[in-house]
Amino acid sequence: AGADKVPVFYKPFQIEAAEGILAWDAAKDFTVIRRAKRNMAVHYRVWSVVSPPTPAQLRSVTTDYRSILPKKDLFLLTYARVQDRTKALAVRLTQDQPTVYDKVIAVERYFSGNQFAYSLTVPALDPVSPLDSFINDVRIGHCELYASAMAVMLRAVGIPARVTQGYRGGEWSDTDNAYLIRKSMAHLWVEV
């Protein structure tokens, strides 16, 4: 993007800025153009709605990862150093699933089952193979362990996955006219 472009959310339906600072056309490609001088700070607000894809759309995605990921990224997103028992579990959970989406859901259900418990206080894990220990033995943990475990299980069956982080939730403040994000809202999840 050039210096005259402004980053915004996906398909904005409203943009608020000082008069003449930004230009955009909601009927076309949603590109926002900066009209201010290049060294002038631009403050703006954007409203958009992102609809999650349907299961049918997710089931139809390509599995030709080489066509959409550079070789280095494909390796990094599918490399998993796990014990044989963890790899066998990942294969067992996913082998009868017809699509990548269904495989992901099968692994997610495994971690959502009664055999796992969420806790911010984690019992001791094997220091050599902490994820294998969490997946197969301890089964008590927090979002970091769940997300990391799910990512390595998917990678173990060749599905590109990574852990990402951010914040979940927010509290609306009428005083600030904004969402307040607190440290306690920090969260990790899996991107597939």
N, C-alpha and C. Protein backbone atom coordinates (compact mmCIF):
# COMPACT_ATOMS: atom_id res chain seq x y z
N ALA A 1 0.84 -1.18 0.00
CA ALA A 1 0.00 0.00 0.00
C ALA A 1 0.88 1.23 0.00
N GLY A 2 0.48 2.19 -0.76
CA GLY A 2 1.22 3.44 -0.86
C GLY A 2 0.98 4.32 0.36
N ALA A 3 1.70 5.40 0.43
CA ALA A 3 1.58 6.31 1.57
C ALA A 3 0.23 7.01 1.61
N ASP A 4 -0.49 6.99 0.49
CA ASP A 4 -1.79 7.66 0.47
C ASP A 4 -2.93 6.72 0.88
N LYS A 5 -2.61 5.45 1.15
CA LYS A 5 -3.64 4.48 1.56
C LYS A 5 -3.70 4.43 3.08
N VAL A 6 -4.85 4.10 3.61
CA VAL A 6 -5.07 4.05 5.05
C VAL A 6 -5.53 2.65 5.43
N PRO A 7 -4.90 1.99 6.43
CA PRO A 7 -5.36 0.66 6.82
C PRO A 7 -6.71 0.76 7.54
N VAL A 8 -7.61 -0.13 7.18
CA VAL A 8 -8.92 -0.19 7.82
C VAL A 8 -9.33 -1.64 7.98
N PHE A 9 -10.46 -1.86 8.63
CA PHE A 9 -10.99 -3.20 8.77
C PHE A 9 -11.62 -3.66 7.48
N TYR A 10 -11.97 -4.92 7.42
CA TYR A 10 -12.59 -5.52 6.26
C TYR A 10 -13.94 -4.88 5.97
N LYS A 11 -14.14 -4.45 4.76
CA LYS A 11 -15.41 -3.89 4.27
C LYS A 11 -16.07 -2.93 5.26
N PRO A 12 -15.49 -1.75 5.43
CA PRO A 12 -16.10 -0.80 6.36
C PRO A 12 -17.46 -0.32 5.85
N PHE A 13 -18.38 -0.09 6.76
CA PHE A 13 -19.66 0.48 6.35
C PHE A 13 -19.79 1.92 6.83
N GLN A 14 -18.86 2.37 7.66
CA GLN A 14 -18.85 3.77 8.07
C GLN A 14 -17.45 4.15 8.48
N ILE A 15 -17.00 5.31 8.05
CA ILE A 15 -15.71 5.85 8.46
C ILE A 15 -15.95 7.29 8.91
N GLU A 16 -15.37 7.62 10.04
CA GLU A 16 -15.53 8.96 10.60
C GLU A 16 -14.15 9.60 10.73
N ALA A 17 -13.99 10.77 10.10
CA ALA A 17 -12.74 11.52 10.18
C ALA A 17 -13.05 12.99 9.96
N ALA A 18 -12.07 13.84 10.25
CA ALA A 18 -12.26 15.27 10.02
C ALA A 18 -12.53 15.52 8.54
N GLU A 19 -13.32 16.52 8.25
CA GLU A 19 -13.72 16.87 6.88
C GLU A 19 -12.50 16.98 5.96
N GLY A 20 -12.54 16.28 4.83
CA GLY A 20 -11.50 16.40 3.82
C GLY A 20 -10.24 15.59 4.07
N ILE A 21 -10.16 14.89 5.20
CA ILE A 21 -8.96 14.13 5.53
C ILE A 21 -8.91 12.80 4.77
N LEU A 22 -10.06 12.11 4.69
CA LEU A 22 -10.14 10.81 4.03
C LEU A 22 -11.22 10.83 2.96
N ALA A 23 -11.04 9.98 1.96
CA ALA A 23 -12.06 9.79 0.95
C ALA A 23 -12.26 8.29 0.77
N TRP A 24 -13.50 7.88 0.61
CA TRP A 24 -13.78 6.47 0.34
C TRP A 24 -15.13 6.34 -0.32
N ASP A 25 -15.30 5.23 -1.00
CA ASP A 25 -16.55 4.98 -1.70
C ASP A 25 -17.04 3.59 -1.29
N ALA A 26 -18.07 3.55 -0.46
CA ALA A 26 -18.59 2.28 0.06
C ALA A 26 -19.20 1.43 -1.04
N ALA A 27 -19.54 2.01 -2.17
CA ALA A 27 -20.18 1.25 -3.25
C ALA A 27 -19.16 0.52 -4.11
N LYS A 28 -17.89 0.86 -4.00
CA LYS A 28 -16.87 0.23 -4.86
C LYS A 28 -16.06 -0.79 -4.07
N ASP A 29 -14.74 -0.60 -4.01
CA ASP A 29 -13.88 -1.61 -3.39
C ASP A 29 -13.49 -1.30 -1.95
N PHE A 30 -14.10 -0.30 -1.33
CA PHE A 30 -13.87 0.05 0.06
C PHE A 30 -12.48 0.62 0.33
N THR A 31 -11.76 1.02 -0.71
CA THR A 31 -10.45 1.62 -0.51
C THR A 31 -10.62 2.99 0.13
N VAL A 32 -9.79 3.27 1.10
CA VAL A 32 -9.80 4.57 1.77
C VAL A 32 -8.54 5.31 1.36
N ILE A 33 -8.70 6.52 0.87
CA ILE A 33 -7.58 7.33 0.40
C ILE A 33 -7.34 8.48 1.38
N ARG A 34 -6.11 8.69 1.71
CA ARG A 34 -5.71 9.77 2.62
C ARG A 34 -5.54 11.04 1.79
N ARG A 35 -6.22 12.10 2.20
CA ARG A 35 -6.11 13.39 1.52
C ARG A 35 -5.27 14.39 2.32
N ALA A 36 -4.92 14.04 3.53
CA ALA A 36 -4.12 14.94 4.37
C ALA A 36 -2.67 14.94 3.89
N LYS A 37 -1.91 15.93 4.30
CA LYS A 37 -0.49 15.97 4.00
C LYS A 37 0.16 14.72 4.58
N ARG A 38 1.18 14.22 3.92
CA ARG A 38 1.80 12.96 4.33
C ARG A 38 2.38 12.99 5.74
N ASN A 39 2.85 14.13 6.19
CA ASN A 39 3.45 14.19 7.53
C ASN A 39 2.42 14.56 8.60
N MET A 40 1.17 14.70 8.20
CA MET A 40 0.11 15.06 9.14
C MET A 40 -0.53 13.79 9.72
N ALA A 41 -0.68 13.74 11.04
CA ALA A 41 -1.32 12.59 11.68
C ALA A 41 -2.79 12.55 11.30
N VAL A 42 -3.28 11.37 11.05
CA VAL A 42 -4.69 11.18 10.69
C VAL A 42 -5.36 10.34 11.76
N HIS A 43 -6.43 10.85 12.32
CA HIS A 43 -7.21 10.13 13.33
C HIS A 43 -8.56 9.83 12.71
N TYR A 44 -8.97 8.59 12.81
CA TYR A 44 -10.25 8.20 12.21
C TYR A 44 -10.82 7.00 12.94
N ARG A 45 -12.11 6.75 12.75
CA ARG A 45 -12.79 5.59 13.30
C ARG A 45 -13.42 4.83 12.14
N VAL A 46 -13.42 3.51 12.29
CA VAL A 46 -13.98 2.66 11.24
C VAL A 46 -14.95 1.67 11.87
N TRP A 47 -16.10 1.46 11.23
CA TRP A 47 -17.06 0.45 11.65
C TRP A 47 -17.17 -0.56 10.52
N SER A 48 -17.08 -1.84 10.87
CA SER A 48 -17.24 -2.89 9.88
C SER A 48 -17.82 -4.12 10.55
N VAL A 49 -18.37 -5.00 9.74
CA VAL A 49 -18.90 -6.26 10.23
C VAL A 49 -18.27 -7.36 9.39
N VAL A 50 -17.69 -8.32 10.07
CA VAL A 50 -17.11 -9.47 9.38
C VAL A 50 -17.95 -10.68 9.72
N SER A 51 -18.55 -11.25 8.71
CA SER A 51 -19.37 -12.45 8.92
C SER A 51 -18.47 -13.67 8.88
N PRO A 52 -18.57 -14.53 9.87
CA PRO A 52 -17.74 -15.74 9.84
C PRO A 52 -18.18 -16.66 8.70
N PRO A 53 -17.24 -17.39 8.12
CA PRO A 53 -17.61 -18.32 7.05
C PRO A 53 -18.49 -19.44 7.59
N THR A 54 -19.29 -20.01 6.73
CA THR A 54 -20.15 -21.12 7.12
C THR A 54 -19.34 -22.41 7.11
N PRO A 55 -19.82 -23.44 7.82
CA PRO A 55 -19.13 -24.74 7.74
C PRO A 55 -19.00 -25.24 6.30
N ALA A 56 -20.01 -25.02 5.47
CA ALA A 56 -19.93 -25.46 4.07
C ALA A 56 -18.78 -24.75 3.35
N GLN A 57 -18.61 -23.45 3.58
CA GLN A 57 -17.50 -22.72 2.97
C GLN A 57 -16.17 -23.24 3.49
N LEU A 58 -16.09 -23.52 4.78
CA LEU A 58 -14.85 -24.01 5.36
C LEU A 58 -14.51 -25.41 4.87
N ARG A 59 -15.52 -26.21 4.62
CA ARG A 59 -15.26 -27.57 4.11
C ARG A 59 -14.75 -27.55 2.67
N SER A 60 -14.99 -26.47 1.96
CA SER A 60 -14.61 -26.42 0.54
C SER A 60 -13.27 -25.76 0.28
N VAL A 61 -12.53 -25.38 1.32
CA VAL A 61 -11.25 -24.70 1.11
C VAL A 61 -10.23 -25.67 0.52
N THR A 62 -9.24 -25.11 -0.15
CA THR A 62 -8.22 -25.93 -0.80
C THR A 62 -7.34 -26.63 0.23
N THR A 63 -6.86 -27.78 -0.14
CA THR A 63 -5.86 -28.47 0.68
C THR A 63 -4.52 -28.49 -0.05
N ASP A 64 -4.45 -27.76 -1.15
CA ASP A 64 -3.20 -27.62 -1.89
C ASP A 64 -2.42 -26.47 -1.27
N TYR A 65 -1.85 -26.72 -0.10
CA TYR A 65 -1.18 -25.67 0.65
C TYR A 65 0.01 -25.09 -0.09
N ARG A 66 0.64 -25.89 -0.95
CA ARG A 66 1.80 -25.40 -1.70
C ARG A 66 1.43 -24.26 -2.65
N SER A 67 0.16 -24.23 -3.07
CA SER A 67 -0.26 -23.17 -3.98
C SER A 67 -0.56 -21.85 -3.28
N ILE A 68 -0.72 -21.88 -1.96
CA ILE A 68 -1.08 -20.66 -1.25
C ILE A 68 -0.06 -20.23 -0.20
N LEU A 69 0.91 -21.10 0.12
CA LEU A 69 1.91 -20.76 1.13
C LEU A 69 3.31 -20.93 0.56
N PRO A 70 4.19 -19.97 0.84
CA PRO A 70 5.59 -20.17 0.44
C PRO A 70 6.15 -21.41 1.14
N LYS A 71 7.10 -22.07 0.51
CA LYS A 71 7.65 -23.33 1.02
C LYS A 71 8.13 -23.20 2.47
N LYS A 72 8.82 -22.10 2.79
CA LYS A 72 9.32 -21.90 4.15
C LYS A 72 8.17 -21.81 5.15
N ASP A 73 7.13 -21.07 4.80
CA ASP A 73 5.98 -20.94 5.69
C ASP A 73 5.25 -22.27 5.85
N LEU A 74 5.13 -23.01 4.76
CA LEU A 74 4.46 -24.31 4.84
C LEU A 74 5.21 -25.22 5.80
N PHE A 75 6.53 -25.22 5.72
CA PHE A 75 7.31 -26.04 6.64
C PHE A 75 7.08 -25.60 8.08
N LEU A 76 7.19 -24.29 8.34
CA LEU A 76 7.02 -23.79 9.71
C LEU A 76 5.63 -24.07 10.26
N LEU A 77 4.62 -24.01 9.42
CA LEU A 77 3.24 -24.20 9.88
C LEU A 77 2.81 -25.65 9.94
N THR A 78 3.65 -26.57 9.45
CA THR A 78 3.31 -27.99 9.53
C THR A 78 4.35 -28.80 10.31
N TYR A 79 5.38 -28.16 10.81
CA TYR A 79 6.39 -28.86 11.60
C TYR A 79 5.86 -29.08 13.01
N ALA A 80 5.96 -30.32 13.48
CA ALA A 80 5.53 -30.64 14.85
C ALA A 80 6.49 -31.66 15.45
N ARG A 81 7.18 -31.26 16.48
CA ARG A 81 8.05 -32.20 17.19
C ARG A 81 7.26 -32.73 18.38
N VAL A 82 6.62 -33.87 18.16
CA VAL A 82 5.80 -34.48 19.20
C VAL A 82 6.18 -35.95 19.36
N GLN A 83 5.80 -36.50 20.48
CA GLN A 83 6.05 -37.92 20.73
C GLN A 83 5.17 -38.77 19.81
N ASP A 84 5.59 -40.01 19.61
CA ASP A 84 4.83 -40.92 18.76
C ASP A 84 3.39 -41.09 19.24
N ARG A 85 3.19 -41.13 20.55
CA ARG A 85 1.83 -41.30 21.07
C ARG A 85 0.94 -40.10 20.74
N THR A 86 1.50 -38.91 20.69
CA THR A 86 0.73 -37.72 20.35
C THR A 86 0.39 -37.74 18.86
N LYS A 87 1.36 -38.09 18.03
CA LYS A 87 1.10 -38.19 16.58
C LYS A 87 0.04 -39.26 16.33
N ALA A 88 0.13 -40.41 16.99
CA ALA A 88 -0.86 -41.48 16.81
C ALA A 88 -2.26 -41.01 17.21
N LEU A 89 -2.34 -40.25 18.29
CA LEU A 89 -3.63 -39.71 18.73
C LEU A 89 -4.19 -38.75 17.68
N ALA A 90 -3.35 -37.88 17.16
CA ALA A 90 -3.80 -36.93 16.14
C ALA A 90 -4.30 -37.67 14.90
N VAL A 91 -3.59 -38.69 14.49
CA VAL A 91 -4.01 -39.49 13.33
C VAL A 91 -5.34 -40.18 13.62
N ARG A 92 -5.44 -40.79 14.79
CA ARG A 92 -6.68 -41.49 15.15
C ARG A 92 -7.89 -40.55 15.18
N LEU A 93 -7.71 -39.35 15.73
CA LEU A 93 -8.81 -38.40 15.81
C LEU A 93 -9.27 -37.89 14.45
N THR A 94 -8.35 -37.84 13.49
CA THR A 94 -8.66 -37.18 12.21
C THR A 94 -8.81 -38.13 11.02
N GLN A 95 -8.41 -39.38 11.15
CA GLN A 95 -8.32 -40.25 9.97
C GLN A 95 -9.64 -40.49 9.26
N ASP A 96 -10.75 -40.50 9.94
CA ASP A 96 -12.04 -40.76 9.30
C ASP A 96 -12.79 -39.48 8.92
N GLN A 97 -12.14 -38.35 9.08
CA GLN A 97 -12.79 -37.08 8.77
C GLN A 97 -12.54 -36.71 7.30
N PRO A 98 -13.61 -36.33 6.57
CA PRO A 98 -13.48 -36.14 5.13
C PRO A 98 -12.79 -34.84 4.69
N THR A 99 -12.82 -33.79 5.52
CA THR A 99 -12.24 -32.51 5.11
C THR A 99 -11.33 -31.98 6.21
N VAL A 100 -10.52 -31.00 5.85
CA VAL A 100 -9.66 -30.35 6.83
C VAL A 100 -10.51 -29.74 7.94
N TYR A 101 -11.60 -29.10 7.58
CA TYR A 101 -12.49 -28.51 8.57
C TYR A 101 -12.96 -29.56 9.58
N ASP A 102 -13.37 -30.71 9.09
CA ASP A 102 -13.85 -31.78 9.97
C ASP A 102 -12.72 -32.31 10.85
N LYS A 103 -11.52 -32.37 10.32
CA LYS A 103 -10.36 -32.80 11.12
C LYS A 103 -10.10 -31.81 12.25
N VAL A 104 -10.17 -30.52 11.93
CA VAL A 104 -9.95 -29.48 12.93
C VAL A 104 -11.02 -29.58 14.02
N ILE A 105 -12.26 -29.76 13.63
CA ILE A 105 -13.36 -29.88 14.59
C ILE A 105 -13.15 -31.11 15.49
N ALA A 106 -12.68 -32.21 14.91
CA ALA A 106 -12.44 -33.42 15.70
C ALA A 106 -11.39 -33.18 16.78
N VAL A 107 -10.31 -32.47 16.43
CA VAL A 107 -9.27 -32.16 17.42
C VAL A 107 -9.81 -31.18 18.45
N GLU A 108 -10.56 -30.20 18.01
CA GLU A 108 -11.16 -29.24 18.94
C GLU A 108 -12.08 -29.94 19.93
N ARG A 109 -12.88 -30.88 19.45
CA ARG A 109 -13.78 -31.63 20.35
C ARG A 109 -13.00 -32.44 21.37
N TYR A 110 -11.87 -32.98 20.95
CA TYR A 110 -11.04 -33.73 21.89
C TYR A 110 -10.65 -32.85 23.08
N PHE A 111 -10.20 -31.64 22.79
CA PHE A 111 -9.79 -30.74 23.87
C PHE A 111 -10.96 -30.14 24.63
N SER A 112 -12.15 -30.16 24.03
CA SER A 112 -13.34 -29.62 24.70
C SER A 112 -14.06 -30.67 25.54
N GLY A 113 -13.60 -31.89 25.48
CA GLY A 113 -14.26 -32.97 26.20
C GLY A 113 -14.04 -32.92 27.70
N ASN A 114 -14.74 -33.81 28.37
CA ASN A 114 -14.69 -33.88 29.84
C ASN A 114 -13.33 -34.28 30.39
N GLN A 115 -12.49 -34.88 29.58
CA GLN A 115 -11.19 -35.35 30.07
C GLN A 115 -10.19 -34.21 30.28
N PHE A 116 -10.54 -32.97 29.83
CA PHE A 116 -9.67 -31.81 30.01
C PHE A 116 -10.33 -30.81 30.93
N ALA A 117 -9.51 -30.04 31.65
CA ALA A 117 -10.02 -29.00 32.55
C ALA A 117 -9.21 -27.73 32.35
N TYR A 118 -9.91 -26.60 32.35
CA TYR A 118 -9.25 -25.31 32.22
C TYR A 118 -8.84 -24.81 33.60
N SER A 119 -7.60 -24.37 33.72
CA SER A 119 -7.12 -23.83 34.99
C SER A 119 -5.93 -22.92 34.72
N LEU A 120 -5.88 -21.82 35.43
CA LEU A 120 -4.72 -20.94 35.33
C LEU A 120 -3.56 -21.47 36.16
N THR A 121 -3.85 -22.43 37.06
CA THR A 121 -2.82 -23.10 37.85
C THR A 121 -2.58 -24.47 37.22
N VAL A 122 -1.44 -24.62 36.61
CA VAL A 122 -1.15 -25.85 35.88
C VAL A 122 -0.24 -26.76 36.70
N PRO A 123 -0.61 -28.04 36.82
CA PRO A 123 0.30 -28.98 37.49
C PRO A 123 1.61 -29.08 36.72
N ALA A 124 2.61 -29.65 37.34
CA ALA A 124 3.91 -29.80 36.70
C ALA A 124 3.78 -30.61 35.42
N LEU A 125 4.41 -30.13 34.36
CA LEU A 125 4.46 -30.83 33.08
C LEU A 125 5.86 -31.38 32.88
N ASP A 126 5.97 -32.42 32.09
CA ASP A 126 7.27 -32.99 31.76
C ASP A 126 8.11 -31.87 31.12
N PRO A 127 9.26 -31.53 31.69
CA PRO A 127 10.06 -30.43 31.15
C PRO A 127 10.64 -30.71 29.76
N VAL A 128 10.77 -31.97 29.40
CA VAL A 128 11.32 -32.33 28.09
C VAL A 128 10.24 -32.24 27.01
N SER A 129 9.03 -32.67 27.32
CA SER A 129 7.93 -32.67 26.36
C SER A 129 6.65 -32.14 27.01
N PRO A 130 6.62 -30.85 27.32
CA PRO A 130 5.46 -30.32 28.06
C PRO A 130 4.13 -30.45 27.31
N LEU A 131 4.12 -30.26 26.00
CA LEU A 131 2.85 -30.38 25.27
C LEU A 131 2.37 -31.83 25.22
N ASP A 132 3.28 -32.74 25.01
CA ASP A 132 2.90 -34.15 25.03
C ASP A 132 2.34 -34.52 26.40
N SER A 133 2.96 -34.01 27.44
CA SER A 133 2.52 -34.26 28.81
C SER A 133 1.10 -33.69 29.03
N PHE A 134 0.87 -32.47 28.55
CA PHE A 134 -0.47 -31.87 28.68
C PHE A 134 -1.51 -32.67 27.91
N ILE A 135 -1.21 -33.02 26.67
CA ILE A 135 -2.16 -33.71 25.79
C ILE A 135 -2.51 -35.10 26.31
N ASN A 136 -1.52 -35.84 26.77
CA ASN A 136 -1.72 -37.25 27.09
C ASN A 136 -1.87 -37.58 28.57
N ASP A 137 -1.36 -36.73 29.45
CA ASP A 137 -1.32 -37.11 30.86
C ASP A 137 -2.03 -36.11 31.77
N VAL A 138 -1.55 -34.89 31.82
CA VAL A 138 -2.00 -33.90 32.79
C VAL A 138 -3.41 -33.40 32.47
N ARG A 139 -3.63 -32.97 31.24
CA ARG A 139 -4.94 -32.53 30.75
C ARG A 139 -5.59 -31.42 31.57
N ILE A 140 -4.77 -30.61 32.19
CA ILE A 140 -5.23 -29.43 32.91
C ILE A 140 -4.35 -28.28 32.44
N GLY A 141 -4.98 -27.18 32.01
CA GLY A 141 -4.16 -26.06 31.55
C GLY A 141 -4.97 -24.84 31.19
N HIS A 142 -4.28 -23.88 30.61
CA HIS A 142 -4.87 -22.59 30.22
C HIS A 142 -4.77 -22.44 28.71
N CYS A 143 -5.20 -21.29 28.21
CA CYS A 143 -5.30 -21.08 26.77
C CYS A 143 -3.98 -21.31 26.04
N GLU A 144 -2.87 -20.96 26.65
CA GLU A 144 -1.57 -21.16 26.00
C GLU A 144 -1.32 -22.64 25.72
N LEU A 145 -1.63 -23.49 26.69
CA LEU A 145 -1.44 -24.93 26.49
C LEU A 145 -2.45 -25.50 25.50
N TYR A 146 -3.71 -25.11 25.63
CA TYR A 146 -4.73 -25.61 24.71
C TYR A 146 -4.41 -25.22 23.26
N ALA A 147 -4.10 -23.96 23.04
CA ALA A 147 -3.83 -23.49 21.68
C ALA A 147 -2.57 -24.15 21.12
N SER A 148 -1.53 -24.22 21.92
CA SER A 148 -0.28 -24.84 21.45
C SER A 148 -0.49 -26.32 21.16
N ALA A 149 -1.21 -27.00 22.03
CA ALA A 149 -1.46 -28.43 21.84
C ALA A 149 -2.28 -28.68 20.58
N MET A 150 -3.32 -27.89 20.37
CA MET A 150 -4.14 -28.07 19.18
C MET A 150 -3.32 -27.79 17.91
N ALA A 151 -2.50 -26.76 17.94
CA ALA A 151 -1.68 -26.43 16.77
C ALA A 151 -0.72 -27.58 16.43
N VAL A 152 -0.03 -28.14 17.44
CA VAL A 152 0.91 -29.22 17.13
C VAL A 152 0.19 -30.50 16.69
N MET A 153 -1.01 -30.74 17.23
CA MET A 153 -1.77 -31.93 16.80
C MET A 153 -2.16 -31.78 15.33
N LEU A 154 -2.61 -30.60 14.94
CA LEU A 154 -2.99 -30.38 13.54
C LEU A 154 -1.75 -30.45 12.65
N ARG A 155 -0.67 -29.86 13.07
CA ARG A 155 0.57 -29.93 12.30
C ARG A 155 1.04 -31.38 12.13
N ALA A 156 0.83 -32.19 13.17
CA ALA A 156 1.27 -33.59 13.12
C ALA A 156 0.57 -34.38 12.02
N VAL A 157 -0.60 -33.90 11.58
CA VAL A 157 -1.31 -34.56 10.47
C VAL A 157 -1.25 -33.72 9.20
N GLY A 158 -0.30 -32.77 9.15
CA GLY A 158 -0.05 -32.02 7.92
C GLY A 158 -0.93 -30.82 7.67
N ILE A 159 -1.66 -30.37 8.67
CA ILE A 159 -2.54 -29.21 8.50
C ILE A 159 -1.80 -27.98 9.04
N PRO A 160 -1.57 -26.96 8.20
CA PRO A 160 -0.88 -25.77 8.67
C PRO A 160 -1.68 -25.08 9.79
N ALA A 161 -1.01 -24.79 10.89
CA ALA A 161 -1.67 -24.15 12.03
C ALA A 161 -0.64 -23.35 12.81
N ARG A 162 -1.12 -22.31 13.48
CA ARG A 162 -0.25 -21.51 14.33
C ARG A 162 -1.05 -20.93 15.49
N VAL A 163 -0.33 -20.57 16.52
CA VAL A 163 -0.94 -19.94 17.68
C VAL A 163 -0.87 -18.44 17.47
N THR A 164 -1.94 -17.77 17.76
CA THR A 164 -1.96 -16.31 17.67
C THR A 164 -2.53 -15.77 18.97
N GLN A 165 -2.34 -14.50 19.20
CA GLN A 165 -2.76 -13.93 20.47
C GLN A 165 -3.44 -12.59 20.28
N GLY A 166 -4.18 -12.22 21.27
CA GLY A 166 -4.88 -10.94 21.25
C GLY A 166 -5.70 -10.81 22.51
N TYR A 167 -6.83 -10.15 22.37
CA TYR A 167 -7.70 -9.93 23.51
C TYR A 167 -9.10 -10.40 23.15
N ARG A 168 -9.76 -10.99 24.12
CA ARG A 168 -11.12 -11.48 23.91
C ARG A 168 -12.06 -10.65 24.77
N GLY A 169 -13.00 -10.02 24.11
CA GLY A 169 -13.98 -9.23 24.84
C GLY A 169 -13.61 -7.77 24.91
N GLY A 170 -14.35 -7.08 25.71
CA GLY A 170 -14.18 -5.65 25.90
C GLY A 170 -15.37 -5.12 26.68
N GLU A 171 -15.16 -4.06 27.37
CA GLU A 171 -16.24 -3.45 28.14
C GLU A 171 -16.50 -2.07 27.57
N TRP A 172 -17.73 -1.81 27.16
CA TRP A 172 -18.06 -0.51 26.58
C TRP A 172 -18.06 0.56 27.67
N SER A 173 -17.40 1.66 27.40
CA SER A 173 -17.36 2.80 28.31
C SER A 173 -18.07 3.97 27.65
N ASP A 174 -19.21 4.35 28.21
CA ASP A 174 -19.93 5.52 27.68
C ASP A 174 -19.10 6.78 27.87
N THR A 175 -18.35 6.85 28.95
CA THR A 175 -17.52 8.02 29.23
C THR A 175 -16.46 8.21 28.14
N ASP A 176 -15.79 7.12 27.78
CA ASP A 176 -14.72 7.20 26.78
C ASP A 176 -15.24 6.99 25.35
N ASN A 177 -16.50 6.55 25.23
CA ASN A 177 -17.07 6.22 23.92
C ASN A 177 -16.18 5.22 23.19
N ALA A 178 -15.75 4.20 23.92
CA ALA A 178 -14.84 3.20 23.37
C ALA A 178 -14.92 1.93 24.20
N TYR A 179 -14.38 0.84 23.65
CA TYR A 179 -14.25 -0.40 24.40
C TYR A 179 -12.98 -0.35 25.23
N LEU A 180 -13.06 -0.76 26.47
CA LEU A 180 -11.89 -0.87 27.33
C LEU A 180 -11.41 -2.32 27.29
N ILE A 181 -10.15 -2.49 27.02
CA ILE A 181 -9.54 -3.81 26.95
C ILE A 181 -8.60 -3.94 28.14
N ARG A 182 -8.82 -4.97 28.93
CA ARG A 182 -8.02 -5.17 30.13
C ARG A 182 -7.01 -6.31 29.95
N LYS A 183 -5.97 -6.29 30.76
CA LYS A 183 -4.94 -7.33 30.72
C LYS A 183 -5.56 -8.72 30.90
N SER A 184 -6.58 -8.82 31.74
CA SER A 184 -7.22 -10.11 32.01
C SER A 184 -7.95 -10.67 30.78
N MET A 185 -8.12 -9.87 29.75
CA MET A 185 -8.80 -10.31 28.54
C MET A 185 -7.83 -10.88 27.50
N ALA A 186 -6.53 -10.94 27.85
CA ALA A 186 -5.54 -11.51 26.95
C ALA A 186 -5.89 -12.98 26.69
N HIS A 187 -5.67 -13.43 25.46
CA HIS A 187 -6.06 -14.79 25.10
C HIS A 187 -5.21 -15.28 23.93
N LEU A 188 -5.05 -16.60 23.82
CA LEU A 188 -4.39 -17.23 22.70
C LEU A 188 -5.35 -18.19 22.05
N TRP A 189 -5.24 -18.35 20.73
CA TRP A 189 -6.09 -19.29 20.01
C TRP A 189 -5.33 -19.81 18.80
N VAL A 190 -5.95 -20.72 18.08
CA VAL A 190 -5.31 -21.37 16.94
C VAL A 190 -5.85 -20.80 15.65
N GLU A 191 -4.95 -20.53 14.72
CA GLU A 191 -5.31 -20.11 13.38
C GLU A 191 -4.95 -21.26 12.45
N VAL A 192 -5.90 -21.71 11.67
CA VAL A 192 -5.69 -22.86 10.78
C VAL A 192 -5.87 -22.43 9.33
